[in-house]
Amino acid sequence: MTNTEGGTDDEEFRDTAISDRVAVTGQVWMGLSLGCAQCHTHKYDPVTHKEFYQFYAFFNQTADNDLPSDVPVLTLTPTTSTLVLRELPPDKRRKTRIYEHGNYLTPGAEVEAATPEAFPAMPAAAPTNRLGLAEWLVSKENPLTARVTVNRFWARMFGKGLVESEEDFGTQGTMPSYAELLDWLAADFVANKWDVKRLLKTIAMSATYRQSSGLTPSLQQRDPANRLLARGPRFRLEAEAVRDQMLAASGLLSAKMYGPPAML
């Protein structure tokens, strides 16, 4: 997030950006609505108001701020640079406090970086920083990350996930249509070093994916929404896939790999 509007408060926008990183990290990697605990303890899932700010503390030690220069940046070529989250040195680390009602102007008790107690502890050797948090996210003991990731790929191939609420694996989300299948795919994914290509091949070569999408009266009655995958999926193609289909049908699709960059 960036904001170049005049008159903004740098610290307010920095807090907004960090809160957004916390919410996005929880939702993308764990299907967990962490953002709901920013102002108060989560009403449905086991995440407290305090734990939101303990998670916040992992992201509160970077040098970026709402400055016109967007520093710090990493220069890639003389066409280009990218923003980076550079960790502050030990003598400049910030204190993290619980913001009452999520307002940065009402700081409360001080907290240290930690993961929610409802989940497995961080690996013993993991540092208490963003690297350690990343190691925790993909550790074998973390039950959600692999399941959420596998479910997202399944949804891209079948039109909807085994858990239809891709962004919410909490108590307000939908139950998986095939829980044991989701568990098996997730365990296999981790056992094979998070190999995405292998995962996609496994799904694509399954009898479920290769079955006909034809609909019969019997299938319509037994599984009208195809939640139980009684037939092959039917869903609209995205714009890029529509373009590729047109090029393939006209004989103009190029299979050449590694062309020149779009922007020089």
Foldseek 3Di string as FASTA:
>chain_A
DADPDPPDDFVQVVLVVLLVVLQCCCQQQFLARLSCLLAAQRPFFQGGVQQSQLQSLQLQFFDAIRDPVRPPWADDDVLDIGHDGHGHPPVPGDWTFRAHRNDPVRGDDTDHHFHRPVFDGFPPPADRHVRSVVCRSLPPRGPGRLLLVLQVLCCVLQVAGLFRSSRHPTPPGRDGVDVVVSNVLSVVCVVVPNPVVVSNVVVCPDPLQPFAQDDDPVCCVVPVPCSVSPGHHDDDDDPVVVVQVVCVVVVNDDPDPDDDDPRD
